[in-house]
Amino acid sequence: MKQYAPPDEVGDSEPPSGKRPGFLTFLGVINSIWAVIFLLGTLALFGLVAIIPAIGADAELEEGDGMLMVAAVAAMAFATVLAIATAVSCFVPKKVCWYVVLFSYAFACGERIVTITDMFRGGEEVPRIVGGFVGVLVGFLFLAALHAEDVRRFYRVGKLTVGKVIAPDLLGFLLGLGLAFGINFLG
């Protein structure tokens, strides 16, 4: 609770950057790998969308499929941009980068919760569901660790009000829930 401050104690000056925690370097490498995977997947999806007109009349889209395709391309593009921003933010000691990383991990936790719910509905095998739960638990542990003092020191985050500390978590979590709900249940 020491990280929270009453509004009258919050300063606008950035403290000097601390040493990057090894855990943050680990997250940066993992997020860089995911960024490359998302980028390749997005480019492949753009390629598939681009060849649909070349296939001809046999590839007519059913009603509603066009919007689903647009949503899929937009979701992949968003995931790619977020993955790249998260990977870069793990290495740049700026307060805005801390917010990006918090948002990203909260987003992933929200998305995974809806995905696990979809696994239950779809009758997935128990080991896959347990794996999903483990993934959510690890995501929440990473999110909690991103609030640690050494991480905050690296990002030059001084004392902040409660709202400024939890806003990116809440926003990312709710957006992750919303987008995953839209994709898993409405698609």
N, C-alpha and C. Protein backbone atom coordinates (compact mmCIF):
# COMPACT_ATOMS: atom_id res chain seq x y z
N MET A 1 0.81 -1.19 0.00
CA MET A 1 0.00 0.00 0.00
C MET A 1 0.86 1.26 0.00
N LYS A 2 2.17 1.12 0.18
CA LYS A 2 3.04 2.29 0.18
C LYS A 2 3.08 2.97 -1.18
N GLN A 3 2.74 2.23 -2.25
CA GLN A 3 2.80 2.81 -3.58
C GLN A 3 1.69 3.82 -3.82
N TYR A 4 0.65 3.79 -3.01
CA TYR A 4 -0.45 4.72 -3.17
C TYR A 4 -0.19 5.97 -2.34
N ALA A 5 -0.63 7.08 -2.82
CA ALA A 5 -0.40 8.34 -2.11
C ALA A 5 -1.67 9.16 -2.15
N PRO A 6 -1.89 9.95 -1.10
CA PRO A 6 -3.01 10.89 -1.18
C PRO A 6 -2.73 11.90 -2.29
N PRO A 7 -3.77 12.46 -2.91
CA PRO A 7 -3.57 13.38 -4.04
C PRO A 7 -2.63 14.54 -3.73
N ASP A 8 -2.57 15.02 -2.49
CA ASP A 8 -1.70 16.16 -2.19
C ASP A 8 -0.22 15.78 -2.10
N GLU A 9 0.09 14.47 -2.04
CA GLU A 9 1.49 14.04 -1.97
C GLU A 9 2.05 13.61 -3.32
N VAL A 10 1.23 13.60 -4.35
CA VAL A 10 1.67 13.13 -5.67
C VAL A 10 2.43 14.25 -6.37
N GLY A 11 3.62 13.92 -6.83
CA GLY A 11 4.43 14.90 -7.55
C GLY A 11 4.51 14.57 -9.02
N ASP A 12 4.74 15.57 -9.84
CA ASP A 12 4.86 15.35 -11.28
C ASP A 12 6.27 15.01 -11.70
N SER A 13 7.24 15.20 -10.81
CA SER A 13 8.62 14.94 -11.18
C SER A 13 8.88 13.44 -11.23
N GLU A 14 9.66 13.05 -12.23
CA GLU A 14 10.02 11.64 -12.38
C GLU A 14 11.28 11.35 -11.59
N PRO A 15 11.24 10.32 -10.74
CA PRO A 15 12.47 9.94 -10.05
C PRO A 15 13.45 9.31 -11.05
N PRO A 16 14.72 9.20 -10.70
CA PRO A 16 15.66 8.56 -11.63
C PRO A 16 15.32 7.09 -11.82
N SER A 17 15.68 6.58 -13.00
CA SER A 17 15.39 5.18 -13.32
C SER A 17 16.26 4.26 -12.48
N GLY A 18 15.66 3.17 -12.03
CA GLY A 18 16.41 2.15 -11.32
C GLY A 18 16.89 1.09 -12.29
N LYS A 19 17.57 0.10 -11.75
CA LYS A 19 18.07 -1.01 -12.57
C LYS A 19 16.89 -1.88 -13.02
N ARG A 20 16.93 -2.34 -14.28
CA ARG A 20 15.85 -3.17 -14.79
C ARG A 20 15.92 -4.54 -14.09
N PRO A 21 14.81 -4.95 -13.48
CA PRO A 21 14.78 -6.28 -12.85
C PRO A 21 14.91 -7.38 -13.90
N GLY A 22 15.57 -8.47 -13.54
CA GLY A 22 15.74 -9.59 -14.47
C GLY A 22 14.40 -10.14 -14.94
N PHE A 23 13.42 -10.12 -14.06
CA PHE A 23 12.09 -10.60 -14.40
C PHE A 23 11.51 -9.79 -15.57
N LEU A 24 11.80 -8.49 -15.60
CA LEU A 24 11.29 -7.63 -16.66
C LEU A 24 12.01 -7.93 -17.98
N THR A 25 13.27 -8.26 -17.92
CA THR A 25 14.01 -8.67 -19.12
C THR A 25 13.42 -9.97 -19.67
N PHE A 26 13.13 -10.90 -18.77
CA PHE A 26 12.49 -12.16 -19.16
C PHE A 26 11.17 -11.89 -19.88
N LEU A 27 10.33 -11.04 -19.28
CA LEU A 27 9.05 -10.70 -19.91
C LEU A 27 9.26 -10.02 -21.26
N GLY A 28 10.29 -9.19 -21.36
CA GLY A 28 10.58 -8.52 -22.62
C GLY A 28 10.93 -9.50 -23.73
N VAL A 29 11.73 -10.50 -23.40
CA VAL A 29 12.12 -11.51 -24.39
C VAL A 29 10.90 -12.34 -24.80
N ILE A 30 10.11 -12.78 -23.82
CA ILE A 30 8.92 -13.58 -24.13
C ILE A 30 7.94 -12.76 -24.98
N ASN A 31 7.74 -11.50 -24.61
CA ASN A 31 6.83 -10.65 -25.38
C ASN A 31 7.37 -10.35 -26.77
N SER A 32 8.67 -10.30 -26.93
CA SER A 32 9.25 -10.09 -28.26
C SER A 32 8.96 -11.29 -29.16
N ILE A 33 9.07 -12.49 -28.60
CA ILE A 33 8.76 -13.70 -29.37
C ILE A 33 7.29 -13.69 -29.78
N TRP A 34 6.40 -13.35 -28.83
CA TRP A 34 4.97 -13.28 -29.14
C TRP A 34 4.69 -12.20 -30.17
N ALA A 35 5.40 -11.09 -30.10
CA ALA A 35 5.19 -10.01 -31.07
C ALA A 35 5.51 -10.49 -32.48
N VAL A 36 6.59 -11.25 -32.63
CA VAL A 36 6.95 -11.78 -33.95
C VAL A 36 5.89 -12.77 -34.43
N ILE A 37 5.40 -13.63 -33.52
CA ILE A 37 4.37 -14.61 -33.89
C ILE A 37 3.09 -13.89 -34.31
N PHE A 38 2.67 -12.88 -33.54
CA PHE A 38 1.47 -12.12 -33.90
C PHE A 38 1.67 -11.39 -35.22
N LEU A 39 2.84 -10.82 -35.43
CA LEU A 39 3.10 -10.11 -36.68
C LEU A 39 3.00 -11.06 -37.87
N LEU A 40 3.61 -12.23 -37.76
CA LEU A 40 3.54 -13.21 -38.86
C LEU A 40 2.10 -13.69 -39.08
N GLY A 41 1.37 -13.93 -37.99
CA GLY A 41 -0.03 -14.34 -38.10
C GLY A 41 -0.89 -13.27 -38.74
N THR A 42 -0.65 -12.03 -38.37
CA THR A 42 -1.42 -10.92 -38.94
C THR A 42 -1.12 -10.76 -40.43
N LEU A 43 0.15 -10.86 -40.78
CA LEU A 43 0.51 -10.76 -42.20
C LEU A 43 -0.11 -11.90 -43.00
N ALA A 44 -0.12 -13.11 -42.42
CA ALA A 44 -0.75 -14.25 -43.10
C ALA A 44 -2.25 -14.01 -43.27
N LEU A 45 -2.89 -13.47 -42.24
CA LEU A 45 -4.32 -13.19 -42.32
C LEU A 45 -4.61 -12.11 -43.37
N PHE A 46 -3.77 -11.06 -43.41
CA PHE A 46 -3.93 -10.04 -44.44
C PHE A 46 -3.78 -10.66 -45.83
N GLY A 47 -2.84 -11.57 -45.98
CA GLY A 47 -2.64 -12.25 -47.27
C GLY A 47 -3.86 -13.07 -47.66
N LEU A 48 -4.44 -13.78 -46.71
CA LEU A 48 -5.64 -14.58 -47.01
C LEU A 48 -6.80 -13.68 -47.40
N VAL A 49 -6.97 -12.59 -46.68
CA VAL A 49 -8.05 -11.66 -47.00
C VAL A 49 -7.84 -11.05 -48.39
N ALA A 50 -6.59 -10.78 -48.72
CA ALA A 50 -6.29 -10.16 -50.01
C ALA A 50 -6.54 -11.10 -51.19
N ILE A 51 -6.41 -12.42 -50.99
CA ILE A 51 -6.59 -13.33 -52.12
C ILE A 51 -8.04 -13.74 -52.34
N ILE A 52 -8.93 -13.42 -51.42
CA ILE A 52 -10.34 -13.80 -51.60
C ILE A 52 -10.91 -13.26 -52.91
N PRO A 53 -10.70 -11.98 -53.24
CA PRO A 53 -11.24 -11.51 -54.53
C PRO A 53 -10.59 -12.20 -55.73
N ALA A 54 -9.34 -12.62 -55.60
CA ALA A 54 -8.64 -13.26 -56.71
C ALA A 54 -9.18 -14.66 -56.98
N ILE A 55 -9.77 -15.28 -55.98
CA ILE A 55 -10.30 -16.63 -56.16
C ILE A 55 -11.51 -16.63 -57.08
N GLY A 56 -12.28 -15.57 -56.99
CA GLY A 56 -13.41 -15.44 -57.91
C GLY A 56 -14.75 -15.61 -57.23
N ALA A 57 -15.76 -15.83 -58.05
CA ALA A 57 -17.14 -15.89 -57.57
C ALA A 57 -17.39 -17.09 -56.67
N ASP A 58 -16.58 -18.14 -56.78
CA ASP A 58 -16.77 -19.33 -55.94
C ASP A 58 -16.52 -19.02 -54.47
N ALA A 59 -15.87 -17.92 -54.24
CA ALA A 59 -15.50 -17.59 -52.86
C ALA A 59 -16.41 -16.52 -52.27
N GLU A 60 -17.65 -16.46 -52.74
CA GLU A 60 -18.60 -15.49 -52.22
C GLU A 60 -18.76 -15.68 -50.71
N LEU A 61 -18.76 -14.58 -50.00
CA LEU A 61 -18.92 -14.65 -48.55
C LEU A 61 -20.41 -14.67 -48.21
N GLU A 62 -20.75 -15.49 -47.23
CA GLU A 62 -22.13 -15.51 -46.76
C GLU A 62 -22.39 -14.23 -45.98
N GLU A 63 -23.66 -13.91 -45.83
CA GLU A 63 -24.03 -12.70 -45.12
C GLU A 63 -23.48 -12.75 -43.70
N GLY A 64 -22.83 -11.70 -43.28
CA GLY A 64 -22.26 -11.62 -41.94
C GLY A 64 -20.81 -12.06 -41.87
N ASP A 65 -20.36 -12.87 -42.84
CA ASP A 65 -18.98 -13.34 -42.82
C ASP A 65 -17.99 -12.20 -43.07
N GLY A 66 -18.41 -11.21 -43.85
CA GLY A 66 -17.54 -10.07 -44.12
C GLY A 66 -17.22 -9.30 -42.85
N MET A 67 -18.24 -9.09 -42.01
CA MET A 67 -18.02 -8.39 -40.74
C MET A 67 -17.16 -9.22 -39.81
N LEU A 68 -17.37 -10.53 -39.82
CA LEU A 68 -16.56 -11.41 -38.98
C LEU A 68 -15.10 -11.36 -39.42
N MET A 69 -14.87 -11.29 -40.73
CA MET A 69 -13.52 -11.21 -41.24
C MET A 69 -12.87 -9.87 -40.85
N VAL A 70 -13.61 -8.81 -40.95
CA VAL A 70 -13.11 -7.49 -40.55
C VAL A 70 -12.76 -7.49 -39.07
N ALA A 71 -13.62 -8.09 -38.25
CA ALA A 71 -13.37 -8.17 -36.82
C ALA A 71 -12.12 -8.99 -36.53
N ALA A 72 -11.94 -10.09 -37.26
CA ALA A 72 -10.77 -10.94 -37.05
C ALA A 72 -9.49 -10.19 -37.43
N VAL A 73 -9.51 -9.49 -38.55
CA VAL A 73 -8.34 -8.72 -38.97
C VAL A 73 -8.05 -7.61 -37.97
N ALA A 74 -9.09 -6.92 -37.50
CA ALA A 74 -8.89 -5.85 -36.52
C ALA A 74 -8.35 -6.40 -35.21
N ALA A 75 -8.87 -7.54 -34.76
CA ALA A 75 -8.39 -8.15 -33.52
C ALA A 75 -6.93 -8.57 -33.64
N MET A 76 -6.57 -9.16 -34.77
CA MET A 76 -5.17 -9.56 -34.97
C MET A 76 -4.26 -8.34 -35.05
N ALA A 77 -4.70 -7.30 -35.72
CA ALA A 77 -3.89 -6.08 -35.82
C ALA A 77 -3.71 -5.46 -34.43
N PHE A 78 -4.78 -5.41 -33.64
CA PHE A 78 -4.69 -4.88 -32.28
C PHE A 78 -3.73 -5.72 -31.43
N ALA A 79 -3.87 -7.05 -31.51
CA ALA A 79 -2.99 -7.93 -30.74
C ALA A 79 -1.53 -7.76 -31.15
N THR A 80 -1.29 -7.55 -32.43
CA THR A 80 0.07 -7.35 -32.91
C THR A 80 0.65 -6.05 -32.38
N VAL A 81 -0.10 -4.98 -32.47
CA VAL A 81 0.37 -3.68 -31.99
C VAL A 81 0.61 -3.75 -30.48
N LEU A 82 -0.32 -4.38 -29.74
CA LEU A 82 -0.16 -4.50 -28.30
C LEU A 82 1.06 -5.35 -27.94
N ALA A 83 1.28 -6.44 -28.66
CA ALA A 83 2.44 -7.30 -28.39
C ALA A 83 3.75 -6.56 -28.65
N ILE A 84 3.81 -5.82 -29.74
CA ILE A 84 5.03 -5.05 -30.04
C ILE A 84 5.23 -3.96 -28.99
N ALA A 85 4.17 -3.24 -28.64
CA ALA A 85 4.28 -2.18 -27.62
C ALA A 85 4.70 -2.75 -26.28
N THR A 86 4.19 -3.91 -25.92
CA THR A 86 4.54 -4.53 -24.64
C THR A 86 6.00 -4.96 -24.64
N ALA A 87 6.44 -5.56 -25.74
CA ALA A 87 7.84 -6.00 -25.82
C ALA A 87 8.79 -4.80 -25.69
N VAL A 88 8.51 -3.74 -26.40
CA VAL A 88 9.35 -2.54 -26.33
C VAL A 88 9.29 -1.92 -24.93
N SER A 89 8.10 -1.90 -24.36
CA SER A 89 7.91 -1.27 -23.05
C SER A 89 8.64 -1.98 -21.92
N CYS A 90 8.94 -3.25 -22.11
CA CYS A 90 9.69 -3.97 -21.08
C CYS A 90 11.13 -3.47 -20.97
N PHE A 91 11.61 -2.72 -21.95
CA PHE A 91 13.00 -2.28 -21.97
C PHE A 91 13.17 -0.77 -21.84
N VAL A 92 12.09 0.00 -21.93
CA VAL A 92 12.18 1.46 -21.92
C VAL A 92 11.72 1.98 -20.56
N PRO A 93 12.60 2.67 -19.83
CA PRO A 93 12.26 3.13 -18.48
C PRO A 93 11.45 4.43 -18.43
N LYS A 94 10.25 4.39 -18.91
CA LYS A 94 9.34 5.54 -18.88
C LYS A 94 8.04 5.12 -18.21
N LYS A 95 7.39 6.06 -17.55
CA LYS A 95 6.14 5.76 -16.86
C LYS A 95 5.07 5.24 -17.82
N VAL A 96 4.99 5.83 -19.00
CA VAL A 96 3.98 5.39 -19.98
C VAL A 96 4.20 3.93 -20.36
N CYS A 97 5.45 3.48 -20.38
CA CYS A 97 5.74 2.08 -20.70
C CYS A 97 5.24 1.15 -19.60
N TRP A 98 5.32 1.61 -18.35
CA TRP A 98 4.78 0.83 -17.24
C TRP A 98 3.27 0.66 -17.43
N TYR A 99 2.59 1.73 -17.82
CA TYR A 99 1.16 1.66 -18.06
C TYR A 99 0.85 0.69 -19.21
N VAL A 100 1.66 0.69 -20.25
CA VAL A 100 1.43 -0.22 -21.38
C VAL A 100 1.56 -1.67 -20.94
N VAL A 101 2.59 -1.97 -20.16
CA VAL A 101 2.81 -3.34 -19.70
C VAL A 101 1.67 -3.77 -18.76
N LEU A 102 1.26 -2.89 -17.86
CA LEU A 102 0.14 -3.23 -16.97
C LEU A 102 -1.13 -3.50 -17.78
N PHE A 103 -1.43 -2.62 -18.72
CA PHE A 103 -2.61 -2.78 -19.56
C PHE A 103 -2.55 -4.11 -20.30
N SER A 104 -1.41 -4.43 -20.87
CA SER A 104 -1.26 -5.63 -21.67
C SER A 104 -1.48 -6.90 -20.85
N TYR A 105 -0.88 -6.96 -19.67
CA TYR A 105 -1.04 -8.17 -18.86
C TYR A 105 -2.44 -8.28 -18.28
N ALA A 106 -3.07 -7.16 -17.94
CA ALA A 106 -4.45 -7.20 -17.47
C ALA A 106 -5.37 -7.62 -18.62
N PHE A 107 -5.11 -7.12 -19.82
CA PHE A 107 -5.87 -7.50 -21.01
C PHE A 107 -5.78 -9.02 -21.22
N ALA A 108 -4.57 -9.56 -21.14
CA ALA A 108 -4.37 -11.00 -21.34
C ALA A 108 -5.11 -11.82 -20.30
N CYS A 109 -5.12 -11.36 -19.05
CA CYS A 109 -5.85 -12.08 -18.00
C CYS A 109 -7.35 -12.09 -18.28
N GLY A 110 -7.89 -10.95 -18.68
CA GLY A 110 -9.32 -10.89 -19.00
C GLY A 110 -9.66 -11.79 -20.17
N GLU A 111 -8.82 -11.77 -21.19
CA GLU A 111 -9.06 -12.59 -22.37
C GLU A 111 -9.01 -14.08 -22.02
N ARG A 112 -8.05 -14.47 -21.20
CA ARG A 112 -7.90 -15.89 -20.84
C ARG A 112 -9.08 -16.39 -20.02
N ILE A 113 -9.64 -15.54 -19.17
CA ILE A 113 -10.79 -15.96 -18.36
C ILE A 113 -11.97 -16.30 -19.27
N VAL A 114 -12.22 -15.48 -20.27
CA VAL A 114 -13.32 -15.76 -21.19
C VAL A 114 -13.01 -17.01 -22.02
N THR A 115 -11.76 -17.18 -22.41
CA THR A 115 -11.38 -18.37 -23.17
C THR A 115 -11.60 -19.64 -22.36
N ILE A 116 -11.28 -19.60 -21.07
CA ILE A 116 -11.51 -20.77 -20.21
C ILE A 116 -13.01 -21.05 -20.09
N THR A 117 -13.79 -20.00 -19.97
CA THR A 117 -15.24 -20.16 -19.91
C THR A 117 -15.74 -20.83 -21.19
N ASP A 118 -15.20 -20.43 -22.31
CA ASP A 118 -15.57 -21.04 -23.59
C ASP A 118 -15.14 -22.50 -23.63
N MET A 119 -13.99 -22.83 -23.02
CA MET A 119 -13.54 -24.22 -22.97
C MET A 119 -14.55 -25.08 -22.20
N PHE A 120 -15.05 -24.55 -21.08
CA PHE A 120 -16.07 -25.27 -20.32
C PHE A 120 -17.31 -25.51 -21.16
N ARG A 121 -17.75 -24.47 -21.84
CA ARG A 121 -18.95 -24.58 -22.67
C ARG A 121 -18.76 -25.58 -23.80
N GLY A 122 -17.55 -25.61 -24.36
CA GLY A 122 -17.27 -26.48 -25.49
C GLY A 122 -16.93 -27.91 -25.10
N GLY A 123 -16.87 -28.20 -23.80
CA GLY A 123 -16.56 -29.56 -23.36
C GLY A 123 -15.12 -29.97 -23.60
N GLU A 124 -14.21 -29.03 -23.49
CA GLU A 124 -12.78 -29.35 -23.67
C GLU A 124 -12.33 -30.37 -22.63
N GLU A 125 -11.21 -30.99 -22.91
CA GLU A 125 -10.65 -31.96 -21.99
C GLU A 125 -10.12 -31.23 -20.75
N VAL A 126 -10.16 -31.91 -19.62
CA VAL A 126 -9.77 -31.33 -18.33
C VAL A 126 -8.33 -30.81 -18.34
N PRO A 127 -7.37 -31.53 -18.90
CA PRO A 127 -5.99 -31.00 -18.89
C PRO A 127 -5.87 -29.64 -19.59
N ARG A 128 -6.61 -29.43 -20.66
CA ARG A 128 -6.57 -28.13 -21.35
C ARG A 128 -7.17 -27.03 -20.48
N ILE A 129 -8.25 -27.36 -19.78
CA ILE A 129 -8.88 -26.38 -18.90
C ILE A 129 -7.96 -26.05 -17.74
N VAL A 130 -7.32 -27.06 -17.16
CA VAL A 130 -6.37 -26.84 -16.07
C VAL A 130 -5.21 -25.98 -16.57
N GLY A 131 -4.73 -26.28 -17.77
CA GLY A 131 -3.67 -25.46 -18.37
C GLY A 131 -4.10 -24.01 -18.53
N GLY A 132 -5.35 -23.80 -18.91
CA GLY A 132 -5.88 -22.45 -19.02
C GLY A 132 -5.89 -21.74 -17.68
N PHE A 133 -6.31 -22.45 -16.64
CA PHE A 133 -6.31 -21.86 -15.29
C PHE A 133 -4.90 -21.51 -14.84
N VAL A 134 -3.95 -22.38 -15.13
CA VAL A 134 -2.56 -22.11 -14.77
C VAL A 134 -2.07 -20.87 -15.51
N GLY A 135 -2.43 -20.75 -16.78
CA GLY A 135 -2.05 -19.56 -17.54
C GLY A 135 -2.61 -18.28 -16.96
N VAL A 136 -3.87 -18.32 -16.51
CA VAL A 136 -4.47 -17.14 -15.89
C VAL A 136 -3.77 -16.82 -14.58
N LEU A 137 -3.49 -17.84 -13.78
CA LEU A 137 -2.81 -17.63 -12.50
C LEU A 137 -1.43 -17.01 -12.72
N VAL A 138 -0.68 -17.54 -13.68
CA VAL A 138 0.65 -16.98 -13.98
C VAL A 138 0.52 -15.54 -14.47
N GLY A 139 -0.48 -15.27 -15.31
CA GLY A 139 -0.71 -13.91 -15.79
C GLY A 139 -0.99 -12.94 -14.65
N PHE A 140 -1.83 -13.35 -13.70
CA PHE A 140 -2.12 -12.49 -12.55
C PHE A 140 -0.89 -12.31 -11.66
N LEU A 141 -0.07 -13.35 -11.54
CA LEU A 141 1.17 -13.22 -10.75
C LEU A 141 2.13 -12.24 -11.43
N PHE A 142 2.25 -12.31 -12.76
CA PHE A 142 3.08 -11.35 -13.49
C PHE A 142 2.53 -9.93 -13.30
N LEU A 143 1.22 -9.80 -13.40
CA LEU A 143 0.59 -8.49 -13.23
C LEU A 143 0.88 -7.93 -11.84
N ALA A 144 0.78 -8.78 -10.82
CA ALA A 144 1.08 -8.33 -9.46
C ALA A 144 2.56 -7.94 -9.34
N ALA A 145 3.44 -8.73 -9.94
CA ALA A 145 4.87 -8.44 -9.87
C ALA A 145 5.21 -7.12 -10.57
N LEU A 146 4.43 -6.75 -11.56
CA LEU A 146 4.68 -5.49 -12.27
C LEU A 146 4.38 -4.27 -11.38
N HIS A 147 3.73 -4.50 -10.27
CA HIS A 147 3.45 -3.42 -9.32
C HIS A 147 4.53 -3.34 -8.22
N ALA A 148 5.51 -4.22 -8.27
CA ALA A 148 6.54 -4.25 -7.23
C ALA A 148 7.40 -2.98 -7.27
N GLU A 149 8.02 -2.70 -6.16
CA GLU A 149 8.79 -1.47 -6.02
C GLU A 149 9.96 -1.39 -7.00
N ASP A 150 10.69 -2.49 -7.21
CA ASP A 150 11.84 -2.43 -8.12
C ASP A 150 11.41 -2.19 -9.56
N VAL A 151 10.27 -2.74 -9.95
CA VAL A 151 9.74 -2.51 -11.30
C VAL A 151 9.30 -1.06 -11.43
N ARG A 152 8.62 -0.56 -10.42
CA ARG A 152 8.17 0.83 -10.44
C ARG A 152 9.36 1.79 -10.46
N ARG A 153 10.41 1.43 -9.76
CA ARG A 153 11.61 2.26 -9.76
C ARG A 153 12.24 2.30 -11.15
N PHE A 154 12.29 1.14 -11.82
CA PHE A 154 12.84 1.10 -13.19
C PHE A 154 12.05 2.02 -14.12
N TYR A 155 10.73 2.00 -14.00
CA TYR A 155 9.88 2.81 -14.86
C TYR A 155 9.75 4.25 -14.40
N ARG A 156 10.47 4.62 -13.35
CA ARG A 156 10.44 5.99 -12.81
C ARG A 156 9.05 6.38 -12.33
N VAL A 157 8.38 5.43 -11.70
CA VAL A 157 7.05 5.68 -11.18
C VAL A 157 7.18 6.01 -9.70
N GLY A 158 6.83 7.22 -9.36
CA GLY A 158 6.85 7.65 -7.97
C GLY A 158 5.53 7.29 -7.31
N LYS A 159 5.17 8.07 -6.32
CA LYS A 159 3.89 7.83 -5.64
C LYS A 159 2.75 8.31 -6.52
N LEU A 160 1.75 7.46 -6.64
CA LEU A 160 0.58 7.77 -7.46
C LEU A 160 -0.68 7.55 -6.64
N THR A 161 -1.76 8.16 -7.06
CA THR A 161 -3.04 7.90 -6.42
C THR A 161 -3.51 6.50 -6.80
N VAL A 162 -4.43 5.97 -6.02
CA VAL A 162 -4.94 4.62 -6.27
C VAL A 162 -5.49 4.51 -7.69
N GLY A 163 -6.22 5.52 -8.12
CA GLY A 163 -6.82 5.48 -9.46
C GLY A 163 -5.79 5.36 -10.56
N LYS A 164 -4.69 6.09 -10.45
CA LYS A 164 -3.66 6.03 -11.49
C LYS A 164 -2.90 4.72 -11.47
N VAL A 165 -2.92 4.03 -10.34
CA VAL A 165 -2.22 2.75 -10.26
C VAL A 165 -3.08 1.63 -10.83
N ILE A 166 -4.36 1.63 -10.52
CA ILE A 166 -5.19 0.50 -10.96
C ILE A 166 -5.95 0.76 -12.26
N ALA A 167 -5.96 1.99 -12.76
CA ALA A 167 -6.69 2.29 -14.00
C ALA A 167 -6.24 1.44 -15.18
N PRO A 168 -4.93 1.30 -15.45
CA PRO A 168 -4.55 0.47 -16.60
C PRO A 168 -4.90 -1.00 -16.39
N ASP A 169 -4.85 -1.45 -15.12
CA ASP A 169 -5.23 -2.84 -14.84
C ASP A 169 -6.70 -3.05 -15.16
N LEU A 170 -7.53 -2.18 -14.65
CA LEU A 170 -8.97 -2.32 -14.82
C LEU A 170 -9.37 -2.15 -16.29
N LEU A 171 -8.81 -1.14 -16.94
CA LEU A 171 -9.13 -0.91 -18.35
C LEU A 171 -8.70 -2.09 -19.22
N GLY A 172 -7.49 -2.58 -19.01
CA GLY A 172 -7.01 -3.73 -19.79
C GLY A 172 -7.83 -4.98 -19.54
N PHE A 173 -8.16 -5.23 -18.27
CA PHE A 173 -8.94 -6.41 -17.92
C PHE A 173 -10.32 -6.36 -18.56
N LEU A 174 -10.99 -5.22 -18.45
CA LEU A 174 -12.34 -5.10 -19.01
C LEU A 174 -12.33 -5.18 -20.54
N LEU A 175 -11.32 -4.56 -21.18
CA LEU A 175 -11.24 -4.64 -22.63
C LEU A 175 -10.94 -6.07 -23.07
N GLY A 176 -10.06 -6.75 -22.35
CA GLY A 176 -9.78 -8.16 -22.65
C GLY A 176 -11.02 -9.02 -22.53
N LEU A 177 -11.79 -8.81 -21.45
CA LEU A 177 -13.05 -9.54 -21.29
C LEU A 177 -14.00 -9.26 -22.45
N GLY A 178 -14.14 -7.98 -22.78
CA GLY A 178 -15.09 -7.58 -23.82
C GLY A 178 -14.73 -8.13 -25.19
N LEU A 179 -13.48 -7.97 -25.59
CA LEU A 179 -13.08 -8.46 -26.92
C LEU A 179 -13.14 -9.98 -27.00
N ALA A 180 -12.69 -10.64 -25.95
CA ALA A 180 -12.73 -12.11 -25.97
C ALA A 180 -14.17 -12.60 -25.98
N PHE A 181 -15.04 -11.93 -25.26
CA PHE A 181 -16.46 -12.30 -25.27
C PHE A 181 -17.01 -12.16 -26.69
N GLY A 182 -16.69 -11.05 -27.32
CA GLY A 182 -17.16 -10.82 -28.68
C GLY A 182 -16.67 -11.87 -29.65
N ILE A 183 -15.41 -12.24 -29.54
CA ILE A 183 -14.84 -13.21 -30.46
C ILE A 183 -15.32 -14.63 -30.16
N ASN A 184 -15.30 -15.02 -28.87
CA ASN A 184 -15.63 -16.42 -28.51
C ASN A 184 -17.12 -16.73 -28.53
N PHE A 185 -17.95 -15.77 -28.16
CA PHE A 185 -19.36 -16.07 -28.04
C PHE A 185 -20.22 -15.56 -29.18
N LEU A 186 -19.80 -14.49 -29.81
CA LEU A 186 -20.62 -13.93 -30.87
C LEU A 186 -20.13 -14.35 -32.25
N GLY A 187 -18.89 -14.86 -32.34
CA GLY A 187 -18.30 -15.21 -33.62
C GLY A 187 -18.65 -16.54 -34.11
